[in-house]
Protein backbone atom coordinates (compact mmCIF):
# COMPACT_ATOMS: atom_id res chain seq x y z
CA UNK A 1 -20.63 13.01 17.49
CA UNK A 2 -20.33 9.55 19.05
CA UNK A 3 -18.02 8.68 21.92
CA UNK A 4 -15.44 7.05 19.66
CA UNK A 5 -14.77 10.23 17.71
CA UNK A 6 -14.36 12.30 20.87
CA UNK A 7 -11.19 10.38 21.68
CA UNK A 8 -7.75 11.22 20.32
CA UNK A 9 -7.26 9.02 17.29
CA UNK A 10 -4.93 6.10 17.91
CA UNK A 11 -2.53 6.61 15.00
CA UNK A 12 -2.77 10.22 13.80
CA UNK A 13 -3.06 11.38 17.45
CA UNK A 14 -5.56 14.16 16.63
CA UNK A 15 -8.83 15.28 18.20
CA UNK A 16 -11.96 16.73 16.54
CA UNK A 17 -11.37 20.42 15.87
CA UNK A 18 -7.62 20.03 15.37
CA UNK A 19 -7.91 19.22 11.67
CA UNK A 20 -9.52 21.37 8.96
CA UNK A 21 -12.46 20.23 6.80
CA UNK A 22 -9.98 19.68 3.94
CA UNK A 23 -6.81 17.69 4.51
CA UNK A 24 -3.94 16.97 2.14
CA UNK A 25 -2.25 13.59 2.61
CA UNK A 26 1.31 13.06 1.34
CA UNK A 27 3.15 9.86 2.02
CA UNK A 28 6.38 11.56 3.04
CA UNK A 29 6.34 13.50 6.34
CA UNK A 30 8.91 15.85 4.79
CA UNK A 31 6.24 17.17 2.45
CA UNK A 32 4.19 18.33 5.41
CA UNK A 33 6.92 20.93 5.99
CA UNK A 34 6.60 22.01 2.34
CA UNK A 35 2.89 22.51 3.03
CA UNK A 36 3.61 24.50 6.20
CA UNK A 37 6.06 26.77 4.38
CA UNK A 38 3.42 27.59 1.73
CA UNK A 39 0.72 28.53 4.23
CA UNK A 40 0.28 32.03 5.70
CA UNK A 41 0.38 30.38 9.11
CA UNK A 42 0.69 26.76 10.19
CA UNK A 43 1.19 24.90 13.43
CA UNK A 44 2.13 21.36 14.35
CA UNK A 45 -0.82 19.37 15.69
CA UNK A 46 0.64 15.91 16.23
CA UNK A 47 3.37 13.48 15.19
CA UNK A 48 3.09 9.76 15.84
CA UNK A 49 4.77 7.09 13.73
CA UNK A 50 4.51 8.15 10.06
CA UNK A 51 1.55 10.44 10.77
CA UNK A 52 2.69 14.08 11.02
CA UNK A 53 -0.10 16.66 11.02
CA UNK A 54 0.00 20.41 10.56
CA UNK A 55 -3.01 22.71 10.34
CA UNK A 56 -2.88 26.25 9.02
CA UNK A 57 -4.56 29.00 7.05
CA UNK A 58 -4.07 30.33 3.54
CA UNK A 59 -5.90 33.57 2.75
CA UNK A 60 -8.08 32.83 5.76
CA UNK A 61 -9.03 29.31 4.61
CA UNK A 62 -8.15 26.48 7.03
CA UNK A 63 -6.32 23.50 5.54
CA UNK A 64 -4.56 20.54 7.18
CA UNK A 65 -1.86 18.17 6.02
CA UNK A 66 -1.29 14.67 7.43
CA UNK A 67 1.41 12.34 6.15
CA UNK A 68 0.21 8.74 5.84
CA UNK A 69 3.33 6.77 4.94
CA UNK A 70 3.84 4.38 2.04
CA UNK A 71 1.20 1.97 0.81
CA UNK A 72 -2.54 1.33 1.02
CA UNK A 73 -2.73 0.01 4.58
CA UNK A 74 -1.27 3.04 6.43
CA UNK A 75 -3.18 5.28 4.03
CA UNK A 76 -6.46 3.55 4.88
CA UNK A 77 -5.70 3.98 8.59
CA UNK A 78 -4.94 7.68 8.25
CA UNK A 79 -7.97 8.33 6.07
CA UNK A 80 -10.28 6.40 8.40
CA UNK A 81 -9.11 8.43 11.40
CA UNK A 82 -9.31 11.78 9.59
CA UNK A 83 -12.91 10.96 8.66
CA UNK A 84 -13.71 10.03 12.26
CA UNK A 85 -12.73 13.52 13.46
CA UNK A 86 -14.70 15.37 10.82
CA UNK A 87 -12.60 15.81 7.67
CA UNK A 88 -14.85 16.18 4.60
CA UNK A 89 -12.34 16.48 1.74
CA UNK A 90 -9.12 14.46 1.48
CA UNK A 91 -6.59 15.10 -1.29
CA UNK A 92 -3.60 12.87 -1.84
CA UNK A 93 -0.45 14.74 -2.91
CA UNK A 94 2.42 12.54 -4.04
CA UNK A 95 4.68 11.21 -6.76
CA UNK A 96 4.24 8.35 -9.22
CA UNK A 97 5.88 6.21 -11.85
CA UNK A 98 4.75 7.32 -15.31
CA UNK A 99 3.92 4.65 -17.91
CA UNK A 100 2.64 6.80 -20.80
CA UNK A 101 5.22 8.41 -23.14
CA UNK A 102 3.53 11.81 -23.52
CA UNK A 103 3.82 12.71 -19.83
CA UNK A 104 6.88 14.79 -18.99
CA UNK A 105 8.73 14.85 -15.67
CA UNK A 106 7.20 17.56 -13.51
CA UNK A 107 3.76 17.42 -15.14
CA UNK A 108 0.79 17.04 -12.81
CA UNK A 109 -1.48 13.99 -12.95
CA UNK A 110 -5.03 14.35 -11.66
CA UNK A 111 -6.62 10.96 -11.08
CA UNK A 112 -10.23 10.35 -12.07
CA UNK A 113 -10.07 6.79 -10.69
CA UNK A 114 -7.60 4.10 -9.68
CA UNK A 115 -7.17 0.46 -10.63
CA UNK A 116 -7.54 -1.53 -7.41
CA UNK A 117 -4.31 -3.49 -7.65
CA UNK A 118 -3.90 -3.53 -3.87
CA UNK A 119 -5.58 -5.85 -1.40
CA UNK A 120 -6.06 -3.68 1.69
CA UNK A 121 -9.44 -2.39 0.51
CA UNK A 122 -10.75 -5.92 -0.08
CA UNK A 123 -10.94 -6.06 3.72
CA UNK A 124 -13.64 -3.36 3.38
CA UNK A 125 -15.46 -4.45 0.23
CA UNK A 126 -14.97 -6.62 -2.86
CA UNK A 127 -13.20 -5.43 -6.00
CA UNK A 128 -16.62 -4.96 -7.62
CA UNK A 129 -16.76 -1.59 -5.82
CA UNK A 130 -14.99 1.10 -7.89
CA UNK A 131 -12.17 3.35 -6.72
CA UNK A 132 -13.35 6.68 -8.10
CA UNK A 133 -12.20 10.18 -7.22
CA UNK A 134 -14.97 12.60 -6.27
CA UNK A 135 -15.83 14.73 -9.31
CA UNK A 136 -15.98 17.92 -7.23
CA UNK A 137 -12.45 17.41 -5.96
CA UNK A 138 -11.27 16.56 -9.48
CA UNK A 139 -12.85 19.81 -10.71
CA UNK A 140 -11.15 21.80 -7.96
CA UNK A 141 -7.77 20.25 -8.80
CA UNK A 142 -8.22 21.02 -12.51
CA UNK A 143 -9.14 24.61 -11.72
CA UNK A 144 -6.19 24.91 -9.32
CA UNK A 145 -3.76 23.75 -12.02
CA UNK A 146 -5.30 26.16 -14.53
CA UNK A 147 -5.02 29.01 -12.03
CA UNK A 148 -1.35 28.19 -11.35
CA UNK A 149 -0.54 27.51 -15.03
CA UNK A 150 0.57 23.96 -14.30
CA UNK A 151 0.46 21.36 -17.10
CA UNK A 152 -1.64 18.36 -16.11
CA UNK A 153 -2.99 15.04 -17.39
CA UNK A 154 -6.38 13.68 -16.42
CA UNK A 155 -7.19 9.99 -16.22
CA UNK A 156 -6.90 6.61 -14.51
CA UNK A 157 -3.92 5.56 -12.43
CA UNK A 158 -2.97 2.18 -10.95
CA UNK A 159 -2.52 1.54 -7.23
CA UNK A 160 -0.63 -1.59 -6.19
CA UNK A 161 1.10 -3.12 -3.18
CA UNK A 162 4.52 -4.25 -4.40
CA UNK A 163 6.76 -1.24 -5.04
CA UNK A 164 9.65 -3.36 -6.33
CA UNK A 165 7.46 -5.03 -8.95
CA UNK A 166 6.16 -1.83 -10.59
CA UNK A 167 8.52 1.10 -10.13
CA UNK A 168 11.69 2.64 -11.61
CA UNK A 169 13.60 0.24 -9.34
CA UNK A 170 11.61 -2.88 -10.20
CA UNK A 171 13.31 -6.17 -10.98
CA UNK A 172 12.59 -8.62 -13.78
CA UNK A 173 10.46 -7.89 -16.84
CA UNK A 174 8.29 -5.23 -15.25
CA UNK A 175 7.33 -3.75 -18.62
CA UNK A 176 5.63 -7.04 -19.53
CA UNK A 177 3.78 -6.95 -16.21
CA UNK A 178 2.56 -3.42 -16.92
CA UNK A 179 1.88 -3.70 -20.65
CA UNK A 180 -1.87 -4.31 -20.30
CA UNK A 181 -2.22 -1.12 -18.25
CA UNK A 182 -0.15 0.84 -20.77
CA UNK A 183 -2.41 -0.44 -23.56
CA UNK A 184 -5.48 0.60 -21.55
CA UNK A 185 -4.12 4.17 -21.21
CA UNK A 186 -3.50 4.02 -17.47
CA UNK A 187 -1.29 7.05 -16.83
CA UNK A 188 0.91 6.03 -13.93
CA UNK A 189 1.43 3.65 -11.02
CA UNK A 190 1.55 4.46 -7.31
CA UNK A 191 0.68 2.85 -3.98
CA UNK A 192 -2.08 4.75 -2.16
CA UNK A 193 -4.93 6.31 -4.12
CA UNK A 194 -7.37 3.43 -4.46
CA UNK A 195 -7.32 2.98 -0.68
CA UNK A 196 -8.13 6.68 -0.28
CA UNK A 197 -10.92 6.56 -2.87
CA UNK A 198 -12.61 3.41 -1.57
CA UNK A 199 -12.53 4.26 2.14
CA UNK A 200 -13.66 7.85 1.51
CA UNK A 201 -16.43 6.98 -0.93
CA UNK A 202 -17.85 4.28 1.33
CA UNK A 203 -18.15 6.83 4.13
CA UNK A 204 -19.53 9.72 2.08
CA UNK A 205 -16.36 11.81 2.10
CA UNK A 206 -14.95 13.53 -0.98
CA UNK A 207 -11.48 12.49 -2.13
CA UNK A 208 -9.05 13.18 -4.94
CA UNK A 209 -5.42 12.76 -5.97
CA UNK A 210 -2.86 15.00 -7.61
CA UNK A 211 0.57 13.57 -8.38
CA UNK A 212 3.75 14.98 -9.82
CA UNK A 213 5.20 12.88 -12.60
CA UNK A 214 8.69 11.49 -12.33
CA UNK A 215 10.57 10.08 -15.31
CA UNK A 216 8.92 7.37 -17.38
CA UNK A 217 9.76 4.16 -15.53
CA UNK A 218 10.92 2.41 -18.72
CA UNK A 219 13.43 5.06 -19.80
CA UNK A 220 17.12 4.89 -19.06
CA UNK A 221 18.06 7.33 -16.32
CA UNK A 222 19.15 10.61 -17.92
CA UNK A 223 20.69 12.58 -15.07
CA UNK A 224 18.85 13.85 -12.03
CA UNK A 225 15.73 15.96 -12.48
CA UNK A 226 15.26 18.46 -9.66
CA UNK A 227 11.82 17.48 -8.46
CA UNK A 228 11.60 19.89 -5.54
CA UNK A 229 10.09 22.83 -7.50
CA UNK A 230 7.52 20.47 -9.03
CA UNK A 231 6.66 19.00 -5.63
CA UNK A 232 6.22 22.51 -4.27
CA UNK A 233 3.86 23.32 -7.19
CA UNK A 234 1.87 20.14 -6.52
CA UNK A 235 1.44 21.01 -2.84
CA UNK A 236 0.39 24.54 -3.78
CA UNK A 237 -2.16 23.09 -6.21
CA UNK A 238 -3.56 21.00 -3.36
CA UNK A 239 -3.82 24.05 -1.12
CA UNK A 240 -5.47 26.05 -3.93
CA UNK A 241 -7.97 23.23 -4.52
CA UNK A 242 -8.80 23.27 -0.81
CA UNK A 243 -9.51 27.01 -1.05
CA UNK A 244 -11.76 26.42 -4.07
CA UNK A 245 -13.70 23.72 -2.25
CA UNK A 246 -14.26 26.16 0.61
CA UNK A 247 -15.44 28.87 -1.80
CA UNK A 248 -17.87 26.38 -3.35
CA UNK A 249 -19.44 25.49 -0.03
CA UNK A 250 -17.84 22.05 0.11
CA UNK A 251 -15.88 22.38 3.36
C-alpha cells in the first residue's frame, strides 16, 4: 500500500482497516443509522461534512456504510477515498424519481447502467466511456431482492446534475425534457450512480446501485406514501447483497 493510502482520507476521515471490503453509500447521513440498526453490531468510524461512516457485522460478515451527500461530485470524492483505503465493492442505496408507469412506489430498482447526464465524470474520462454497474454486484442485488421477496425492476437509470430540472419538484416542462429517456425505457432519474460506476470501473472496483422508487414524477401528488419501510427494505437488500458477495469470494 503506497504512502498516500496510509493517511487518513481527507473527506471521509477513515484509515485503511476501518472500512469493510463492501461499503454501502447512501446520500443521506440519516440512512447510515438505518444501516446501523439493521446490523448485529455497528460502530461509528468517522463523521466529517456529509461523510458519516459506520462499520459493523451481520451474521459475521463485515459491511460498512458511508454517506456521500447529494450529487455526482461528492459521490466521486467519497468513492475515490473508499477505494484508496481498500474497499472492493461499493453499492449505492438511495431514492429516485420514477419515469416509467409500471413502477410502483416502494418497488426496488436495480441499475444495470446509468446515462451519464452529469459532468463530474468528464473530468476523469470522456462520455465515450460507459457507466455500467458490475454484473456480479447486479447479480447479488437481484438475489438479495429474491431472498427478501422484494419486487424489483432491472434496467438503465439516468444520472444528472440539476435536481430542479428533473425531479418531482422540477419547474417548467420537465416532461418534455425527459420524454426521450421515457421513450428509451430509462426507468428513473437520480443524481449519483454514473459517478459511482465510472470512478469504480476505471479503478477495477465493483459497483452497483439499488434504489427505492418514489411516486412517478409526472403524477399529481396523491397523499403521502410512508417510504420508511421501503427504505429499510432497500438498506437490508444492500446488506444482504454484501453478504452474498462475501460468500462468493468477492470481498
